[in-house]
C-alpha cells in the first residue's frame, strides 16, 4: 500500500463468499426459529427441537463430552439420558466421563454412597481439548457446584493458558436436595468457569416447550439446564426430569452441529 493510495486488492485474493442470513417472516403459529435450520415447537411433544434443514456432513462424528460428578447416582442418571439425546442426532456422539473423587473411601462409606460405575472412565483436563462441545453435571453445595467438580475445573489451568477451550459450546445440568436448594444458582454460579475459558454458554432456555410450564408435579430443571431433586438421596429422577435431560442433549448436539457446519 503506497502513500495515499488506500488498500489495493491483490490479484490473488480469492473471491468473496457471502452467506444469506434468514429473514424474519410473519407467522401465525407459535413456532419460532432458534437457530438457522432448527425450529422450536412449543405446542407439540416435550422433545421440541427438530432439525429442519440438512447440515454439512462430516467424516468423523462430532464429540460432546458429558462430564459429571455424582455421589448417589442422580446426576449420573441425567448424564446417561443426556447422552441418549446427543446420540439421537446424526453425526454427533456423546461420551460420558466422570471427574475424580476427592473424598476418601472411608468417608464415602459413612455417607452410604454407592460405588462408582467403572464403565465410565475418569476424565483428565487434557481430554477437554478434543471436544466439540461440553456438558458438565454436578450436585449443589450451598447453591454452587460440588467441590469435586470445582477441583476438576481448577486443574484446567494449562488449557486456560493456551486458550484450548475458547469458543467451545458448553452447558450444565444439576442435582439439588430441595426445591429452593439451587436448581438455578448452581448452574448460574458455574458460568464463571466458562467465561474465564472463553467458552460459549448454551442454556436450554424454554425450548422444552410445554414441559417447562407444567405445575402438576415436582420437577427439577430450569432454563439454565436439566436438573433433578434428590431429596434425602432416595428420590429417583422423574420421567419428566429425564425427558428434559434427553432434550438438552439433543438441543446441544444440534447447536454443536450447526456451529461446526
Protein backbone atom coordinates (compact mmCIF):
# COMPACT_ATOMS: atom_id res chain seq x y z
CA UNK A 1 0.00 0.00 0.00
CA UNK A 2 1.55 3.32 -1.14
CA UNK A 3 1.03 6.72 0.42
CA UNK A 4 -2.49 7.99 -0.04
CA UNK A 5 -3.32 5.12 -2.36
CA UNK A 6 -5.60 3.25 0.04
CA UNK A 7 -5.85 -0.54 0.04
CA UNK A 8 -5.13 -2.13 -3.36
CA UNK A 9 -6.83 -5.52 -3.88
CA UNK A 10 -4.44 -8.35 -4.58
CA UNK A 11 -4.83 -10.18 -7.86
CA UNK A 12 -4.51 -13.42 -5.95
CA UNK A 13 -7.26 -12.60 -3.48
CA UNK A 14 -9.96 -15.29 -3.52
CA UNK A 15 -13.48 -14.21 -4.43
CA UNK A 16 -15.64 -13.00 -1.57
CA UNK A 17 -18.24 -15.52 -0.41
CA UNK A 18 -21.44 -14.20 1.11
CA UNK A 19 -23.93 -16.13 3.18
CA UNK A 20 -27.54 -15.11 3.09
CA UNK A 21 -28.98 -14.87 6.57
CA UNK A 22 -32.57 -15.98 7.12
CA UNK A 23 -35.12 -13.19 7.14
CA UNK A 24 -37.96 -12.99 9.59
CA UNK A 25 -41.35 -13.62 8.05
CA UNK A 26 -44.77 -13.09 9.60
CA UNK A 27 -46.24 -16.21 11.10
CA UNK A 28 -49.49 -17.02 12.81
CA UNK A 29 -48.11 -20.10 14.55
CA UNK A 30 -46.14 -20.22 17.78
CA UNK A 31 -43.20 -21.92 16.09
CA UNK A 32 -40.12 -19.72 16.10
CA UNK A 33 -36.62 -20.33 14.73
CA UNK A 34 -33.98 -20.59 17.44
CA UNK A 35 -31.07 -21.31 15.11
CA UNK A 36 -30.79 -21.45 11.32
CA UNK A 37 -32.13 -24.88 10.44
CA UNK A 38 -33.69 -25.51 13.86
CA UNK A 39 -37.34 -24.96 14.71
CA UNK A 40 -38.87 -24.83 18.17
CA UNK A 41 -42.31 -26.36 18.57
CA UNK A 42 -43.99 -25.26 21.80
CA UNK A 43 -47.35 -26.93 21.22
CA UNK A 44 -46.19 -30.44 20.47
CA UNK A 45 -44.22 -33.05 22.41
CA UNK A 46 -41.66 -32.15 25.09
CA UNK A 47 -38.85 -33.08 22.68
CA UNK A 48 -39.27 -29.74 20.98
CA UNK A 49 -36.15 -29.29 18.89
CA UNK A 50 -36.35 -30.61 15.36
CA UNK A 51 -33.83 -30.48 12.56
CA UNK A 52 -35.44 -28.70 9.63
CA UNK A 53 -32.56 -28.36 7.18
CA UNK A 54 -29.71 -30.66 6.20
CA UNK A 55 -26.35 -29.77 7.72
CA UNK A 56 -22.93 -30.31 6.24
CA UNK A 57 -21.88 -33.92 6.61
CA UNK A 58 -18.64 -34.77 8.35
CA UNK A 59 -16.45 -37.81 8.01
CA UNK A 60 -15.98 -38.27 11.75
CA UNK A 61 -18.65 -37.78 14.38
CA UNK A 62 -18.62 -34.60 16.40
CA UNK A 63 -17.98 -35.37 20.07
CA UNK A 64 -19.80 -33.87 23.02
CA UNK A 65 -18.20 -34.82 26.32
CA UNK A 66 -20.68 -35.28 29.15
CA UNK A 67 -18.55 -34.70 32.24
CA UNK A 68 -20.16 -35.21 35.64
CA UNK A 69 -19.74 -35.79 39.33
CA UNK A 70 -22.39 -37.91 41.03
CA UNK A 71 -22.33 -39.13 44.63
CA UNK A 72 -25.63 -41.01 44.82
CA UNK A 73 -26.34 -41.56 41.11
CA UNK A 74 -28.84 -38.79 40.41
CA UNK A 75 -26.55 -36.68 38.22
CA UNK A 76 -25.28 -39.85 36.55
CA UNK A 77 -28.86 -40.76 35.63
CA UNK A 78 -29.30 -37.39 33.96
CA UNK A 79 -25.93 -37.77 32.21
CA UNK A 80 -26.91 -41.06 30.63
CA UNK A 81 -30.19 -39.61 29.40
CA UNK A 82 -28.32 -36.59 28.01
CA UNK A 83 -26.12 -38.99 26.06
CA UNK A 84 -29.22 -40.60 24.58
CA UNK A 85 -30.33 -37.20 23.33
CA UNK A 86 -26.91 -36.39 21.89
CA UNK A 87 -26.61 -39.77 20.18
CA UNK A 88 -30.04 -39.26 18.61
CA UNK A 89 -28.65 -36.54 16.34
CA UNK A 90 -26.90 -37.87 13.24
CA UNK A 91 -23.20 -37.16 13.11
CA UNK A 92 -22.85 -36.39 16.83
CA UNK A 93 -21.74 -38.67 19.65
CA UNK A 94 -21.99 -38.23 23.40
CA UNK A 95 -19.08 -39.51 25.52
CA UNK A 96 -19.52 -40.00 29.28
CA UNK A 97 -16.76 -39.09 31.72
CA UNK A 98 -16.70 -38.71 35.49
CA UNK A 99 -14.42 -36.38 37.41
CA UNK A 100 -12.07 -37.85 40.03
CA UNK A 101 -13.45 -38.40 43.52
CA UNK A 102 -11.71 -36.39 46.23
CA UNK A 103 -13.27 -37.95 49.32
CA UNK A 104 -11.62 -40.98 51.00
CA UNK A 105 -13.35 -44.33 50.61
CA UNK A 106 -13.98 -44.45 54.37
CA UNK A 107 -15.89 -41.16 54.25
CA UNK A 108 -17.94 -42.28 51.24
CA UNK A 109 -18.83 -45.48 53.09
CA UNK A 110 -20.06 -43.49 56.09
CA UNK A 111 -22.16 -41.37 53.72
CA UNK A 112 -23.59 -44.60 52.25
CA UNK A 113 -22.53 -43.54 48.75
CA UNK A 114 -22.77 -46.39 46.21
CA UNK A 115 -19.64 -47.47 44.31
CA UNK A 116 -18.76 -45.63 41.10
CA UNK A 117 -19.61 -47.14 37.72
CA UNK A 118 -16.26 -48.41 36.45
CA UNK A 119 -17.55 -48.46 32.86
CA UNK A 120 -17.46 -44.64 32.89
CA UNK A 121 -13.81 -43.52 32.69
CA UNK A 122 -12.30 -40.72 34.73
CA UNK A 123 -11.53 -37.59 32.77
CA UNK A 124 -8.33 -35.60 32.68
CA UNK A 125 -8.13 -31.92 31.85
CA UNK A 126 -6.35 -32.70 28.57
CA UNK A 127 -9.39 -34.69 27.36
CA UNK A 128 -11.45 -31.49 27.14
CA UNK A 129 -9.34 -30.02 24.33
CA UNK A 130 -10.56 -32.56 21.78
CA UNK A 131 -14.27 -31.99 22.42
CA UNK A 132 -16.60 -30.22 20.01
CA UNK A 133 -19.00 -29.46 22.86
CA UNK A 134 -19.18 -29.97 26.62
CA UNK A 135 -21.93 -30.70 29.13
CA UNK A 136 -21.00 -30.53 32.82
CA UNK A 137 -23.17 -32.08 35.53
CA UNK A 138 -22.84 -31.79 39.30
CA UNK A 139 -24.81 -31.66 42.56
CA UNK A 140 -25.12 -28.47 44.55
CA UNK A 141 -23.23 -27.48 47.67
CA UNK A 142 -24.83 -24.38 49.18
CA UNK A 143 -26.04 -23.14 45.79
CA UNK A 144 -22.86 -23.78 43.80
CA UNK A 145 -21.05 -26.77 42.31
CA UNK A 146 -19.69 -29.61 44.43
CA UNK A 147 -16.02 -29.42 45.40
CA UNK A 148 -15.15 -32.43 43.25
CA UNK A 149 -16.23 -30.60 40.09
CA UNK A 150 -14.61 -27.35 41.22
CA UNK A 151 -11.39 -29.25 41.83
CA UNK A 152 -11.52 -30.55 38.28
CA UNK A 153 -12.05 -27.07 36.87
CA UNK A 154 -9.12 -25.89 38.98
CA UNK A 155 -6.94 -28.44 37.17
CA UNK A 156 -7.56 -26.85 33.75
CA UNK A 157 -5.08 -24.00 34.19
CA UNK A 158 -2.83 -25.13 31.33
CA UNK A 159 -5.82 -25.26 28.97
CA UNK A 160 -6.68 -21.72 30.05
CA UNK A 161 -3.12 -20.57 29.49
CA UNK A 162 -3.14 -21.98 25.97
CA UNK A 163 -6.80 -20.98 25.31
CA UNK A 164 -7.61 -24.52 24.21
CA UNK A 165 -11.26 -24.28 25.30
CA UNK A 166 -12.03 -20.84 23.88
CA UNK A 167 -15.07 -20.89 21.61
CA UNK A 168 -16.30 -24.34 22.64
CA UNK A 169 -20.05 -24.51 23.43
CA UNK A 170 -20.86 -25.81 26.91
CA UNK A 171 -23.85 -26.32 29.19
CA UNK A 172 -24.80 -27.53 32.67
CA UNK A 173 -27.15 -29.96 34.43
CA UNK A 174 -27.55 -30.23 38.19
CA UNK A 175 -28.99 -32.01 41.21
CA UNK A 176 -30.29 -30.42 44.41
CA UNK A 177 -31.79 -31.74 47.61
CA UNK A 178 -34.71 -29.32 47.90
CA UNK A 179 -36.90 -27.16 45.67
CA UNK A 180 -35.17 -24.00 46.83
CA UNK A 181 -31.74 -25.56 47.01
CA UNK A 182 -30.11 -24.14 43.89
CA UNK A 183 -31.60 -25.51 40.66
CA UNK A 184 -30.74 -22.18 39.04
CA UNK A 185 -27.91 -20.76 41.19
CA UNK A 186 -25.83 -23.94 40.92
CA UNK A 187 -25.63 -23.50 37.14
CA UNK A 188 -25.56 -19.71 37.30
CA UNK A 189 -22.53 -19.57 39.60
CA UNK A 190 -20.73 -22.08 37.37
CA UNK A 191 -20.84 -19.76 34.37
CA UNK A 192 -17.71 -18.05 35.69
CA UNK A 193 -15.72 -21.18 34.81
CA UNK A 194 -16.84 -20.95 31.18
CA UNK A 195 -16.29 -17.20 31.00
CA UNK A 196 -12.64 -17.43 32.06
CA UNK A 197 -12.01 -20.10 29.44
CA UNK A 198 -13.88 -18.16 26.75
CA UNK A 199 -16.36 -20.98 26.24
CA UNK A 200 -19.84 -20.33 24.85
CA UNK A 201 -22.57 -20.96 27.42
CA UNK A 202 -25.58 -22.71 25.86
CA UNK A 203 -28.62 -22.72 28.20
CA UNK A 204 -31.55 -24.90 27.29
CA UNK A 205 -33.91 -21.94 27.74
CA UNK A 206 -37.59 -22.78 27.27
CA UNK A 207 -37.04 -24.98 24.21
CA UNK A 208 -38.51 -27.94 26.12
CA UNK A 209 -41.92 -26.48 25.31
CA UNK A 210 -44.95 -27.35 27.48
CA UNK A 211 -42.79 -29.47 29.79
CA UNK A 212 -41.25 -26.29 31.19
CA UNK A 213 -44.61 -24.90 32.27
CA UNK A 214 -46.34 -27.88 33.89
CA UNK A 215 -47.12 -27.39 37.57
CA UNK A 216 -48.87 -30.68 38.33
CA UNK A 217 -45.79 -32.47 39.66
CA UNK A 218 -42.41 -31.81 41.23
CA UNK A 219 -39.84 -31.25 38.52
CA UNK A 220 -36.20 -30.22 38.60
CA UNK A 221 -34.54 -28.30 35.79
CA UNK A 222 -34.61 -24.68 34.69
CA UNK A 223 -33.76 -22.53 31.66
CA UNK A 224 -30.13 -23.00 32.72
CA UNK A 225 -30.24 -26.75 32.16
CA UNK A 226 -31.72 -30.08 33.20
CA UNK A 227 -31.99 -30.87 36.89
CA UNK A 228 -33.28 -33.35 39.42
CA UNK A 229 -34.50 -33.09 43.00
CA UNK A 230 -32.71 -35.75 45.04
CA UNK A 231 -34.38 -35.12 48.40
CA UNK A 232 -32.56 -37.10 51.07
CA UNK A 233 -30.92 -39.16 48.33
CA UNK A 234 -33.67 -41.73 47.97
CA UNK A 235 -35.82 -39.91 45.40
CA UNK A 236 -35.14 -41.03 41.84
CA UNK A 237 -35.40 -38.71 38.80
CA UNK A 238 -38.91 -38.49 37.39
CA UNK A 239 -39.60 -39.24 33.73
CA UNK A 240 -40.17 -35.52 33.13
CA UNK A 241 -36.75 -34.69 34.58
CA UNK A 242 -35.12 -37.37 32.45
CA UNK A 243 -37.01 -36.20 29.35
CA UNK A 244 -35.70 -32.67 29.87
CA UNK A 245 -32.17 -34.09 30.12
CA UNK A 246 -32.61 -36.02 26.89
CA UNK A 247 -33.98 -32.90 25.22
CA UNK A 248 -30.99 -30.86 26.42
CA UNK A 249 -28.62 -33.43 24.94
CA UNK A 250 -30.40 -33.25 21.60
CA UNK A 251 -30.54 -29.47 21.70
CA UNK A 252 -26.81 -29.18 22.45
CA UNK A 253 -26.00 -31.67 19.68
CA UNK A 254 -27.92 -29.56 17.15
CA UNK A 255 -26.16 -26.40 18.31
CA UNK A 256 -22.74 -28.04 18.06
CA UNK A 257 -23.58 -29.48 14.65
CA UNK A 258 -24.72 -26.12 13.34
CA UNK A 259 -21.63 -24.34 14.66
CA UNK A 260 -19.40 -26.95 13.01
CA UNK A 261 -21.17 -26.74 9.64
